[in-house]
Full PDB file with SEQRES, HELIX, SHEET, SSBOND, CRYST1, ORIGX, SCALE, CONECT and MASTER records, all heavy atoms in Angstrom:
SEQRES   1 A   43  ILE GLY ILE TYR GLY TYR GLY ASN LEU GLY LYS GLY VAL          
SEQRES   2 A   43  GLU LEU ALA VAL ARG GLN ASN LYS ASP MET GLU LEU PHE          
SEQRES   3 A   43  GLY VAL PHE THR ARG ARG ASN PRO GLU SER LEU LYS THR          
SEQRES   4 A   43  LEU THR GLY ILE                                              
HELIX    1 AA1 ASN A    8  VAL A   17  1                                  10    
HELIX    2 AA2 PRO A   34  SER A   36  5                                   3    
SHEET    1 AA1 2 GLY A   2  TYR A   4  0                                        
SHEET    2 AA1 2 GLY A  27  PHE A  29  1                                        
CRYST1    1.000    1.000    1.000  90.00  90.00  90.00 P 1           1          
ORIGX1      1.000000  0.000000  0.000000        0.00000                         
ORIGX2      0.000000  1.000000  0.000000        0.00000                         
ORIGX3      0.000000  0.000000  1.000000        0.00000                         
SCALE1      1.000000  0.000000  0.000000        0.00000                         
SCALE2      0.000000  1.000000  0.000000        0.00000                         
SCALE3      0.000000  0.000000  1.000000        0.00000                         
ATOM      1  N   ILE A   1      43.884  69.077  97.566  1.00  0.00           N  
ATOM      2  CA  ILE A   1      43.635  68.739  98.964  1.00  0.00           C  
ATOM      3  C   ILE A   1      43.997  67.281  99.207  1.00  0.00           C  
ATOM      4  O   ILE A   1      43.601  66.389  98.444  1.00  0.00           O  
ATOM      5  CB  ILE A   1      42.154  68.960  99.328  1.00  0.00           C  
ATOM      6  CG1 ILE A   1      41.729  70.398  99.039  1.00  0.00           C  
ATOM      7  CG2 ILE A   1      41.893  68.579 100.781  1.00  0.00           C  
ATOM      8  CD1 ILE A   1      42.419  71.442  99.875  1.00  0.00           C  
ATOM      9  N   GLY A   2      44.733  67.026 100.283  1.00  0.00           N  
ATOM     10  CA  GLY A   2      44.991  65.672 100.727  1.00  0.00           C  
ATOM     11  C   GLY A   2      44.231  65.392 102.007  1.00  0.00           C  
ATOM     12  O   GLY A   2      43.992  66.296 102.822  1.00  0.00           O  
ATOM     13  N   ILE A   3      43.822  64.146 102.200  1.00  0.00           N  
ATOM     14  CA  ILE A   3      43.112  63.721 103.410  1.00  0.00           C  
ATOM     15  C   ILE A   3      44.008  62.750 104.158  1.00  0.00           C  
ATOM     16  O   ILE A   3      44.489  61.768 103.583  1.00  0.00           O  
ATOM     17  CB  ILE A   3      41.776  63.038 103.061  1.00  0.00           C  
ATOM     18  CG1 ILE A   3      40.869  63.979 102.272  1.00  0.00           C  
ATOM     19  CG2 ILE A   3      41.076  62.547 104.329  1.00  0.00           C  
ATOM     20  CD1 ILE A   3      39.600  63.306 101.740  1.00  0.00           C  
ATOM     21  N   TYR A   4      44.236  63.034 105.430  1.00  0.00           N  
ATOM     22  CA  TYR A   4      45.069  62.149 106.250  1.00  0.00           C  
ATOM     23  C   TYR A   4      44.170  61.491 107.284  1.00  0.00           C  
ATOM     24  O   TYR A   4      43.748  62.121 108.259  1.00  0.00           O  
ATOM     25  CB  TYR A   4      46.178  62.958 106.929  1.00  0.00           C  
ATOM     26  CG  TYR A   4      47.275  62.112 107.541  1.00  0.00           C  
ATOM     27  CD1 TYR A   4      48.393  61.752 106.800  1.00  0.00           C  
ATOM     28  CD2 TYR A   4      47.188  61.659 108.850  1.00  0.00           C  
ATOM     29  CE1 TYR A   4      49.417  60.984 107.343  1.00  0.00           C  
ATOM     30  CE2 TYR A   4      48.192  60.893 109.408  1.00  0.00           C  
ATOM     31  CZ  TYR A   4      49.309  60.555 108.652  1.00  0.00           C  
ATOM     32  OH  TYR A   4      50.306  59.786 109.204  1.00  0.00           O  
ATOM     33  N   GLY A   5      43.845  60.220 107.065  1.00  0.00           N  
ATOM     34  CA  GLY A   5      42.913  59.500 107.936  1.00  0.00           C  
ATOM     35  C   GLY A   5      41.573  59.338 107.243  1.00  0.00           C  
ATOM     36  O   GLY A   5      41.067  60.285 106.627  1.00  0.00           O  
ATOM     37  N   TYR A   6      40.995  58.148 107.327  1.00  0.00           N  
ATOM     38  CA  TYR A   6      39.790  57.881 106.540  1.00  0.00           C  
ATOM     39  C   TYR A   6      38.704  57.223 107.392  1.00  0.00           C  
ATOM     40  O   TYR A   6      38.216  56.146 107.091  1.00  0.00           O  
ATOM     41  CB  TYR A   6      40.135  57.015 105.323  1.00  0.00           C  
ATOM     42  CG  TYR A   6      39.066  57.048 104.252  1.00  0.00           C  
ATOM     43  CD1 TYR A   6      38.775  58.225 103.577  1.00  0.00           C  
ATOM     44  CD2 TYR A   6      38.340  55.902 103.927  1.00  0.00           C  
ATOM     45  CE1 TYR A   6      37.791  58.251 102.603  1.00  0.00           C  
ATOM     46  CE2 TYR A   6      37.362  55.923 102.950  1.00  0.00           C  
ATOM     47  CZ  TYR A   6      37.091  57.115 102.292  1.00  0.00           C  
ATOM     48  OH  TYR A   6      36.109  57.150 101.328  1.00  0.00           O  
ATOM     49  N   GLY A   7      38.313  57.906 108.462  1.00  0.00           N  
ATOM     50  CA  GLY A   7      37.129  57.521 109.209  1.00  0.00           C  
ATOM     51  C   GLY A   7      35.943  58.342 108.739  1.00  0.00           C  
ATOM     52  O   GLY A   7      35.892  58.804 107.585  1.00  0.00           O  
ATOM     53  N   ASN A   8      34.982  58.570 109.641  1.00  0.00           N  
ATOM     54  CA  ASN A   8      33.784  59.341 109.269  1.00  0.00           C  
ATOM     55  C   ASN A   8      34.135  60.752 108.819  1.00  0.00           C  
ATOM     56  O   ASN A   8      33.560  61.279 107.863  1.00  0.00           O  
ATOM     57  CB  ASN A   8      32.824  59.404 110.458  1.00  0.00           C  
ATOM     58  CG  ASN A   8      32.169  58.072 110.745  1.00  0.00           C  
ATOM     59  OD1 ASN A   8      31.872  57.308 109.839  1.00  0.00           O  
ATOM     60  ND2 ASN A   8      31.935  57.778 112.016  1.00  0.00           N  
ATOM     61  N   LEU A   9      35.094  61.381 109.495  1.00  0.00           N  
ATOM     62  CA  LEU A   9      35.466  62.752 109.131  1.00  0.00           C  
ATOM     63  C   LEU A   9      36.183  62.790 107.783  1.00  0.00           C  
ATOM     64  O   LEU A   9      35.906  63.655 106.946  1.00  0.00           O  
ATOM     65  CB  LEU A   9      36.344  63.356 110.230  1.00  0.00           C  
ATOM     66  CG  LEU A   9      36.710  64.830 110.068  1.00  0.00           C  
ATOM     67  CD1 LEU A   9      35.463  65.698 109.990  1.00  0.00           C  
ATOM     68  CD2 LEU A   9      37.614  65.281 111.210  1.00  0.00           C  
ATOM     69  N   GLY A  10      37.089  61.862 107.557  1.00  0.00           N  
ATOM     70  CA  GLY A  10      37.787  61.814 106.277  1.00  0.00           C  
ATOM     71  C   GLY A  10      36.838  61.606 105.111  1.00  0.00           C  
ATOM     72  O   GLY A  10      36.988  62.224 104.046  1.00  0.00           O  
ATOM     73  N   LYS A  11      35.852  60.738 105.308  1.00  0.00           N  
ATOM     74  CA  LYS A  11      34.841  60.530 104.268  1.00  0.00           C  
ATOM     75  C   LYS A  11      34.031  61.801 104.046  1.00  0.00           C  
ATOM     76  O   LYS A  11      33.655  62.125 102.907  1.00  0.00           O  
ATOM     77  CB  LYS A  11      33.928  59.371 104.652  1.00  0.00           C  
ATOM     78  CG  LYS A  11      34.639  58.018 104.648  1.00  0.00           C  
ATOM     79  CD  LYS A  11      33.750  56.923 105.216  1.00  0.00           C  
ATOM     80  CE  LYS A  11      34.505  55.593 105.282  1.00  0.00           C  
ATOM     81  NZ  LYS A  11      33.714  54.538 105.965  1.00  0.00           N  
ATOM     82  N   GLY A  12      33.753  62.536 105.122  1.00  0.00           N  
ATOM     83  CA  GLY A  12      33.033  63.801 104.986  1.00  0.00           C  
ATOM     84  C   GLY A  12      33.817  64.815 104.170  1.00  0.00           C  
ATOM     85  O   GLY A  12      33.255  65.541 103.341  1.00  0.00           O  
ATOM     86  N   VAL A  13      35.129  64.876 104.396  1.00  0.00           N  
ATOM     87  CA  VAL A  13      35.972  65.778 103.610  1.00  0.00           C  
ATOM     88  C   VAL A  13      35.957  65.377 102.138  1.00  0.00           C  
ATOM     89  O   VAL A  13      35.857  66.230 101.240  1.00  0.00           O  
ATOM     90  CB  VAL A  13      37.416  65.775 104.150  1.00  0.00           C  
ATOM     91  CG1 VAL A  13      38.349  66.538 103.196  1.00  0.00           C  
ATOM     92  CG2 VAL A  13      37.468  66.387 105.547  1.00  0.00           C  
ATOM     93  N   GLU A  14      36.026  64.091 101.880  1.00  0.00           N  
ATOM     94  CA  GLU A  14      35.991  63.595 100.497  1.00  0.00           C  
ATOM     95  C   GLU A  14      34.736  64.101  99.774  1.00  0.00           C  
ATOM     96  O   GLU A  14      34.804  64.531  98.610  1.00  0.00           O  
ATOM     97  CB  GLU A  14      36.022  62.069 100.507  1.00  0.00           C  
ATOM     98  CG  GLU A  14      35.990  61.430  99.138  1.00  0.00           C  
ATOM     99  CD  GLU A  14      35.939  59.914  99.200  1.00  0.00           C  
ATOM    100  OE1 GLU A  14      35.786  59.352 100.309  1.00  0.00           O  
ATOM    101  OE2 GLU A  14      36.056  59.274  98.131  1.00  0.00           O  
ATOM    102  N   LEU A  15      33.608  64.069 100.462  1.00  0.00           N  
ATOM    103  CA  LEU A  15      32.358  64.517  99.849  1.00  0.00           C  
ATOM    104  C   LEU A  15      32.287  66.036  99.755  1.00  0.00           C  
ATOM    105  O   LEU A  15      31.786  66.593  98.772  1.00  0.00           O  
ATOM    106  CB  LEU A  15      31.168  63.989 100.666  1.00  0.00           C  
ATOM    107  CG  LEU A  15      31.033  62.464 100.723  1.00  0.00           C  
ATOM    108  CD1 LEU A  15      29.868  62.075 101.635  1.00  0.00           C  
ATOM    109  CD2 LEU A  15      30.825  61.871  99.334  1.00  0.00           C  
ATOM    110  N   ALA A  16      32.806  66.733 100.779  1.00  0.00           N  
ATOM    111  CA  ALA A  16      32.716  68.194 100.808  1.00  0.00           C  
ATOM    112  C   ALA A  16      33.547  68.841  99.704  1.00  0.00           C  
ATOM    113  O   ALA A  16      33.123  69.837  99.105  1.00  0.00           O  
ATOM    114  CB  ALA A  16      33.153  68.718 102.170  1.00  0.00           C  
ATOM    115  N   VAL A  17      34.712  68.295  99.414  1.00  0.00           N  
ATOM    116  CA  VAL A  17      35.568  68.883  98.387  1.00  0.00           C  
ATOM    117  C   VAL A  17      34.871  68.881  97.033  1.00  0.00           C  
ATOM    118  O   VAL A  17      35.053  69.803  96.221  1.00  0.00           O  
ATOM    119  CB  VAL A  17      36.921  68.132  98.320  1.00  0.00           C  
ATOM    120  CG1 VAL A  17      37.713  68.532  97.076  1.00  0.00           C  
ATOM    121  CG2 VAL A  17      37.743  68.416  99.568  1.00  0.00           C  
ATOM    122  N   ARG A  18      34.028  67.879  96.790  1.00  0.00           N  
ATOM    123  CA  ARG A  18      33.314  67.803  95.500  1.00  0.00           C  
ATOM    124  C   ARG A  18      32.388  69.000  95.286  1.00  0.00           C  
ATOM    125  O   ARG A  18      32.028  69.309  94.147  1.00  0.00           O  
ATOM    126  CB  ARG A  18      32.482  66.518  95.438  1.00  0.00           C  
ATOM    127  CG  ARG A  18      33.304  65.241  95.496  1.00  0.00           C  
ATOM    128  CD  ARG A  18      32.513  64.055  94.999  1.00  0.00           C  
ATOM    129  NE  ARG A  18      31.173  63.981  95.564  1.00  0.00           N  
ATOM    130  CZ  ARG A  18      30.190  63.261  95.048  1.00  0.00           C  
ATOM    131  NH1 ARG A  18      30.380  62.577  93.935  1.00  0.00           N  
ATOM    132  NH2 ARG A  18      29.005  63.213  95.637  1.00  0.00           N  
ATOM    133  N   GLN A  19      31.998  69.690  96.364  1.00  0.00           N  
ATOM    134  CA  GLN A  19      31.088  70.830  96.243  1.00  0.00           C  
ATOM    135  C   GLN A  19      31.828  72.154  96.050  1.00  0.00           C  
ATOM    136  O   GLN A  19      31.200  73.206  95.994  1.00  0.00           O  
ATOM    137  CB  GLN A  19      30.193  70.908  97.488  1.00  0.00           C  
ATOM    138  CG  GLN A  19      29.278  69.701  97.645  1.00  0.00           C  
ATOM    139  CD  GLN A  19      28.397  69.797  98.877  1.00  0.00           C  
ATOM    140  OE1 GLN A  19      28.804  70.292  99.915  1.00  0.00           O  
ATOM    141  NE2 GLN A  19      27.164  69.329  98.750  1.00  0.00           N  
ATOM    142  N   ASN A  20      33.154  72.094  95.985  1.00  0.00           N  
ATOM    143  CA  ASN A  20      33.955  73.307  95.854  1.00  0.00           C  
ATOM    144  C   ASN A  20      34.749  73.255  94.555  1.00  0.00           C  
ATOM    145  O   ASN A  20      35.684  72.463  94.422  1.00  0.00           O  
ATOM    146  CB  ASN A  20      34.897  73.432  97.054  1.00  0.00           C  
ATOM    147  CG  ASN A  20      34.145  73.700  98.339  1.00  0.00           C  
ATOM    148  OD1 ASN A  20      33.908  74.846  98.695  1.00  0.00           O  
ATOM    149  ND2 ASN A  20      33.753  72.641  99.039  1.00  0.00           N  
ATOM    150  N   LYS A  21      34.365  74.099  93.607  1.00  0.00           N  
ATOM    151  CA  LYS A  21      34.902  74.008  92.248  1.00  0.00           C  
ATOM    152  C   LYS A  21      36.361  74.426  92.150  1.00  0.00           C  
ATOM    153  O   LYS A  21      37.019  74.123  91.146  1.00  0.00           O  
ATOM    154  CB  LYS A  21      34.044  74.854  91.304  1.00  0.00           C  
ATOM    155  CG  LYS A  21      32.617  74.331  91.154  1.00  0.00           C  
ATOM    156  CD  LYS A  21      31.792  75.190  90.215  1.00  0.00           C  
ATOM    157  CE  LYS A  21      30.370  74.662  90.091  1.00  0.00           C  
ATOM    158  NZ  LYS A  21      29.534  75.519  89.207  1.00  0.00           N  
ATOM    159  N   ASP A  22      36.862  75.147  93.160  1.00  0.00           N  
ATOM    160  CA  ASP A  22      38.255  75.577  93.093  1.00  0.00           C  
ATOM    161  C   ASP A  22      39.188  74.568  93.750  1.00  0.00           C  
ATOM    162  O   ASP A  22      40.379  74.848  93.946  1.00  0.00           O  
ATOM    163  CB  ASP A  22      38.421  76.947  93.759  1.00  0.00           C  
ATOM    164  CG  ASP A  22      38.000  76.957  95.225  1.00  0.00           C  
ATOM    165  OD1 ASP A  22      37.195  76.077  95.614  1.00  0.00           O  
ATOM    166  OD2 ASP A  22      38.459  77.837  95.983  1.00  0.00           O  
ATOM    167  N   MET A  23      38.674  73.379  94.091  1.00  0.00           N  
ATOM    168  CA  MET A  23      39.475  72.355  94.765  1.00  0.00           C  
ATOM    169  C   MET A  23      39.375  71.030  94.043  1.00  0.00           C  
ATOM    170  O   MET A  23      38.383  70.741  93.377  1.00  0.00           O  
ATOM    171  CB  MET A  23      38.978  72.139  96.199  1.00  0.00           C  
ATOM    172  CG  MET A  23      39.059  73.335  97.096  1.00  0.00           C  
ATOM    173  SD  MET A  23      38.472  72.898  98.750  1.00  0.00           S  
ATOM    174  CE  MET A  23      38.676  74.473  99.585  1.00  0.00           C  
ATOM    175  N   GLU A  24      40.419  70.211  94.231  1.00  0.00           N  
ATOM    176  CA  GLU A  24      40.346  68.823  93.805  1.00  0.00           C  
ATOM    177  C   GLU A  24      41.085  67.972  94.829  1.00  0.00           C  
ATOM    178  O   GLU A  24      42.008  68.449  95.500  1.00  0.00           O  
ATOM    179  CB  GLU A  24      40.933  68.634  92.410  1.00  0.00           C  
ATOM    180  CG  GLU A  24      42.406  68.952  92.286  1.00  0.00           C  
ATOM    181  CD  GLU A  24      42.937  68.663  90.891  1.00  0.00           C  
ATOM    182  OE1 GLU A  24      43.276  67.494  90.629  1.00  0.00           O  
ATOM    183  OE2 GLU A  24      43.021  69.615  90.076  1.00  0.00           O  
ATOM    184  N   LEU A  25      40.673  66.724  94.934  1.00  0.00           N  
ATOM    185  CA  LEU A  25      41.304  65.822  95.883  1.00  0.00           C  
ATOM    186  C   LEU A  25      42.507  65.139  95.255  1.00  0.00           C  
ATOM    187  O   LEU A  25      42.414  64.581  94.168  1.00  0.00           O  
ATOM    188  CB  LEU A  25      40.301  64.764  96.355  1.00  0.00           C  
ATOM    189  CG  LEU A  25      39.344  65.189  97.462  1.00  0.00           C  
ATOM    190  CD1 LEU A  25      38.279  64.125  97.664  1.00  0.00           C  
ATOM    191  CD2 LEU A  25      40.087  65.449  98.763  1.00  0.00           C  
ATOM    192  N   PHE A  26      43.625  65.170  95.980  1.00  0.00           N  
ATOM    193  CA  PHE A  26      44.797  64.415  95.539  1.00  0.00           C  
ATOM    194  C   PHE A  26      44.640  62.955  95.919  1.00  0.00           C  
ATOM    195  O   PHE A  26      44.921  62.055  95.125  1.00  0.00           O  
ATOM    196  CB  PHE A  26      46.063  64.995  96.169  1.00  0.00           C  
ATOM    197  CG  PHE A  26      47.297  64.225  95.807  1.00  0.00           C  
ATOM    198  CD1 PHE A  26      47.936  64.455  94.603  1.00  0.00           C  
ATOM    199  CD2 PHE A  26      47.802  63.250  96.659  1.00  0.00           C  
ATOM    200  CE1 PHE A  26      49.068  63.733  94.251  1.00  0.00           C  
ATOM    201  CE2 PHE A  26      48.933  62.524  96.317  1.00  0.00           C  
ATOM    202  CZ  PHE A  26      49.561  62.755  95.113  1.00  0.00           C  
ATOM    203  N   GLY A  27      44.192  62.696  97.154  1.00  0.00           N  
ATOM    204  CA  GLY A  27      44.012  61.327  97.606  1.00  0.00           C  
ATOM    205  C   GLY A  27      43.931  61.247  99.111  1.00  0.00           C  
ATOM    206  O   GLY A  27      43.978  62.259  99.822  1.00  0.00           O  
ATOM    207  N   VAL A  28      43.814  60.016  99.590  1.00  0.00           N  
ATOM    208  CA  VAL A  28      43.704  59.715 101.016  1.00  0.00           C  
ATOM    209  C   VAL A  28      44.984  59.025 101.473  1.00  0.00           C  
ATOM    210  O   VAL A  28      45.495  58.132 100.788  1.00  0.00           O  
ATOM    211  CB  VAL A  28      42.499  58.781 101.283  1.00  0.00           C  
ATOM    212  CG1 VAL A  28      42.500  58.284 102.721  1.00  0.00           C  
ATOM    213  CG2 VAL A  28      41.190  59.488 100.970  1.00  0.00           C  
ATOM    214  N   PHE A  29      45.474  59.430 102.638  1.00  0.00           N  
ATOM    215  CA  PHE A  29      46.618  58.764 103.258  1.00  0.00           C  
ATOM    216  C   PHE A  29      46.122  58.017 104.491  1.00  0.00           C  
ATOM    217  O   PHE A  29      45.437  58.589 105.335  1.00  0.00           O  
ATOM    218  CB  PHE A  29      47.701  59.776 103.624  1.00  0.00           C  
ATOM    219  CG  PHE A  29      48.342  60.390 102.425  1.00  0.00           C  
ATOM    220  CD1 PHE A  29      47.790  61.521 101.834  1.00  0.00           C  
ATOM    221  CD2 PHE A  29      49.471  59.823 101.857  1.00  0.00           C  
ATOM    222  CE1 PHE A  29      48.366  62.086 100.704  1.00  0.00           C  
ATOM    223  CE2 PHE A  29      50.049  60.374 100.729  1.00  0.00           C  
ATOM    224  CZ  PHE A  29      49.497  61.510 100.145  1.00  0.00           C  
ATOM    225  N   THR A  30      46.463  56.732 104.576  1.00  0.00           N  
ATOM    226  CA  THR A  30      45.895  55.881 105.617  1.00  0.00           C  
ATOM    227  C   THR A  30      46.969  55.036 106.285  1.00  0.00           C  
ATOM    228  O   THR A  30      47.980  54.677 105.657  1.00  0.00           O  
ATOM    229  CB  THR A  30      44.804  54.960 105.022  1.00  0.00           C  
ATOM    230  OG1 THR A  30      44.295  54.101 106.045  1.00  0.00           O  
ATOM    231  CG2 THR A  30      45.357  54.115 103.879  1.00  0.00           C  
ATOM    232  N   ARG A  31      46.731  54.715 107.565  1.00  0.00           N  
ATOM    233  CA  ARG A  31      47.614  53.796 108.283  1.00  0.00           C  
ATOM    234  C   ARG A  31      47.261  52.345 107.975  1.00  0.00           C  
ATOM    235  O   ARG A  31      47.998  51.437 108.313  1.00  0.00           O  
ATOM    236  CB  ARG A  31      47.522  54.058 109.795  1.00  0.00           C  
ATOM    237  CG  ARG A  31      48.155  55.386 110.206  1.00  0.00           C  
ATOM    238  CD  ARG A  31      48.002  55.672 111.688  1.00  0.00           C  
ATOM    239  NE  ARG A  31      46.640  56.003 112.042  1.00  0.00           N  
ATOM    240  CZ  ARG A  31      46.261  56.453 113.246  1.00  0.00           C  
ATOM    241  NH1 ARG A  31      47.163  56.589 114.210  1.00  0.00           N  
ATOM    242  NH2 ARG A  31      45.004  56.737 113.488  1.00  0.00           N  
ATOM    243  N   ARG A  32      46.108  52.154 107.351  1.00  0.00           N  
ATOM    244  CA  ARG A  32      45.709  50.807 106.923  1.00  0.00           C  
ATOM    245  C   ARG A  32      46.431  50.447 105.615  1.00  0.00           C  
ATOM    246  O   ARG A  32      47.130  51.264 105.034  1.00  0.00           O  
ATOM    247  CB  ARG A  32      44.199  50.747 106.717  1.00  0.00           C  
ATOM    248  CG  ARG A  32      43.389  50.817 108.011  1.00  0.00           C  
ATOM    249  CD  ARG A  32      41.897  50.880 107.708  1.00  0.00           C  
ATOM    250  NE  ARG A  32      41.440  52.249 107.549  1.00  0.00           N  
ATOM    251  CZ  ARG A  32      40.202  52.580 107.201  1.00  0.00           C  
ATOM    252  NH1 ARG A  32      39.318  51.627 106.933  1.00  0.00           N  
ATOM    253  NH2 ARG A  32      39.845  53.846 107.106  1.00  0.00           N  
ATOM    254  N   ASN A  33      46.203  49.236 105.168  1.00  0.00           N  
ATOM    255  CA  ASN A  33      46.723  48.829 103.874  1.00  0.00           C  
ATOM    256  C   ASN A  33      45.952  49.594 102.786  1.00  0.00           C  
ATOM    257  O   ASN A  33      44.750  49.371 102.605  1.00  0.00           O  
ATOM    258  CB  ASN A  33      46.544  47.321 103.689  1.00  0.00           C  
ATOM    259  CG  ASN A  33      46.991  46.855 102.311  1.00  0.00           C  
ATOM    260  OD1 ASN A  33      47.523  47.633 101.527  1.00  0.00           O  
ATOM    261  ND2 ASN A  33      46.744  45.586 102.017  1.00  0.00           N  
ATOM    262  N   PRO A  34      46.604  50.489 102.048  1.00  0.00           N  
ATOM    263  CA  PRO A  34      45.857  51.305 101.073  1.00  0.00           C  
ATOM    264  C   PRO A  34      45.206  50.474  99.974  1.00  0.00           C  
ATOM    265  O   PRO A  34      44.185  50.880  99.413  1.00  0.00           O  
ATOM    266  CB  PRO A  34      46.932  52.247 100.504  1.00  0.00           C  
ATOM    267  CG  PRO A  34      48.234  51.618 100.819  1.00  0.00           C  
ATOM    268  CD  PRO A  34      48.031  50.841 102.089  1.00  0.00           C  
ATOM    269  N   GLU A  35      45.756  49.314  99.685  1.00  0.00           N  
ATOM    270  CA  GLU A  35      45.174  48.485  98.632  1.00  0.00           C  
ATOM    271  C   GLU A  35      43.819  47.908  99.040  1.00  0.00           C  
ATOM    272  O   GLU A  35      43.012  47.538  98.183  1.00  0.00           O  
ATOM    273  CB  GLU A  35      46.144  47.362  98.273  1.00  0.00           C  
ATOM    274  CG  GLU A  35      47.438  47.865  97.637  1.00  0.00           C  
ATOM    275  CD  GLU A  35      48.407  46.733  97.346  1.00  0.00           C  
ATOM    276  OE1 GLU A  35      48.035  45.559  97.577  1.00  0.00           O  
ATOM    277  OE2 GLU A  35      49.527  47.018  96.885  1.00  0.00           O  
ATOM    278  N   SER A  36      43.587  47.833 100.337  1.00  0.00           N  
ATOM    279  CA  SER A  36      42.318  47.275 100.816  1.00  0.00           C  
ATOM    280  C   SER A  36      41.266  48.351 101.064  1.00  0.00           C  
ATOM    281  O   SER A  36      40.131  48.042 101.419  1.00  0.00           O  
ATOM    282  CB  SER A  36      42.552  46.493 102.113  1.00  0.00           C  
ATOM    283  OG  SER A  36      42.915  47.376 103.171  1.00  0.00           O  
ATOM    284  N   LEU A  37      41.638  49.616 100.886  1.00  0.00           N  
ATOM    285  CA  LEU A  37      40.736  50.723 101.194  1.00  0.00           C  
ATOM    286  C   LEU A  37      39.947  51.125  99.954  1.00  0.00           C  
ATOM    287  O   LEU A  37      40.526  51.497  98.928  1.00  0.00           O  
ATOM    288  CB  LEU A  37      41.541  51.919 101.716  1.00  0.00           C  
ATOM    289  CG  LEU A  37      40.722  53.082 102.284  1.00  0.00           C  
ATOM    290  CD1 LEU A  37      40.027  52.661 103.562  1.00  0.00           C  
ATOM    291  CD2 LEU A  37      41.643  54.273 102.554  1.00  0.00           C  
ATOM    292  N   LYS A  38      38.641  51.064 100.068  1.00  0.00           N  
ATOM    293  CA  LYS A  38      37.771  51.496  98.976  1.00  0.00           C  
ATOM    294  C   LYS A  38      37.136  52.824  99.352  1.00  0.00           C  
ATOM    295  O   LYS A  38      36.350  52.910 100.284  1.00  0.00           O  
ATOM    296  CB  LYS A  38      36.680  50.443  98.713  1.00  0.00           C  
ATOM    297  CG  LYS A  38      35.822  50.765  97.494  1.00  0.00           C  
ATOM    298  CD  LYS A  38      34.806  49.669  97.228  1.00  0.00           C  
ATOM    299  CE  LYS A  38      33.965  49.984  96.001  1.00  0.00           C  
ATOM    300  NZ  LYS A  38      32.949  48.929  95.723  1.00  0.00           N  
ATOM    301  N   THR A  39      37.505  53.871  98.646  1.00  0.00           N  
ATOM    302  CA  THR A  39      36.984  55.197  98.962  1.00  0.00           C  
ATOM    303  C   THR A  39      35.601  55.403  98.340  1.00  0.00           C  
ATOM    304  O   THR A  39      35.229  54.717  97.389  1.00  0.00           O  
ATOM    305  CB  THR A  39      37.947  56.292  98.461  1.00  0.00           C  
ATOM    306  OG1 THR A  39      38.148  56.131  97.049  1.00  0.00           O  
ATOM    307  CG2 THR A  39      39.289  56.185  99.172  1.00  0.00           C  
ATOM    308  N   LEU A  40      34.866  56.380  98.868  1.00  0.00           N  
ATOM    309  CA  LEU A  40      33.488  56.608  98.420  1.00  0.00           C  
ATOM    310  C   LEU A  40      33.414  57.041  96.970  1.00  0.00           C  
ATOM    311  O   LEU A  40      32.490  56.661  96.246  1.00  0.00           O  
ATOM    312  CB  LEU A  40      32.828  57.688  99.296  1.00  0.00           C  
ATOM    313  CG  LEU A  40      32.600  57.353 100.773  1.00  0.00           C  
ATOM    314  CD1 LEU A  40      32.064  58.574 101.516  1.00  0.00           C  
ATOM    315  CD2 LEU A  40      31.617  56.186 100.912  1.00  0.00           C  
ATOM    316  N   THR A  41      34.370  57.852  96.542  1.00  0.00           N  
ATOM    317  CA  THR A  41      34.309  58.420  95.189  1.00  0.00           C  
ATOM    318  C   THR A  41      35.389  57.879  94.267  1.00  0.00           C  
ATOM    319  O   THR A  41      35.555  58.366  93.150  1.00  0.00           O  
ATOM    320  CB  THR A  41      34.430  59.957  95.255  1.00  0.00           C  
ATOM    321  OG1 THR A  41      35.714  60.302  95.813  1.00  0.00           O  
ATOM    322  CG2 THR A  41      33.331  60.550  96.119  1.00  0.00           C  
ATOM    323  N   GLY A  42      36.151  56.883  94.747  1.00  0.00           N  
ATOM    324  CA  GLY A  42      37.170  56.282  93.907  1.00  0.00           C  
ATOM    325  C   GLY A  42      38.498  57.005  93.889  1.00  0.00           C  
ATOM    326  O   GLY A  42      39.372  56.680  93.073  1.00  0.00           O  
ATOM    327  N   ILE A  43      38.695  57.985  94.775  1.00  0.00           N  
ATOM    328  CA  ILE A  43      39.994  58.655  94.809  1.00  0.00           C  
ATOM    329  C   ILE A  43      41.050  57.681  95.333  1.00  0.00           C  
ATOM    330  O   ILE A  43      40.742  56.769  96.098  1.00  0.00           O  
ATOM    331  CB  ILE A  43      39.956  59.924  95.684  1.00  0.00           C  
ATOM    332  CG1 ILE A  43      39.566  59.589  97.133  1.00  0.00           C  
ATOM    333  CG2 ILE A  43      39.033  60.952  95.094  1.00  0.00           C  
ATOM    334  CD1 ILE A  43      39.781  60.742  98.080  1.00  0.00           C  
TER     335      ILE A  43                                                      
MASTER        0    0    0    2    2    0    0    6  334    1    0    4          
END                                                                             
């Protein structure tokens, strides 16, 4: 699963995927500087 956009909804998706054993997160795609973005779970 990829996440495009990292506001409240994107963070919710990041957490929700962890509860589904048949899924894994590839990463987050952002319009911000990705180097400055700290994700909740380190993806």
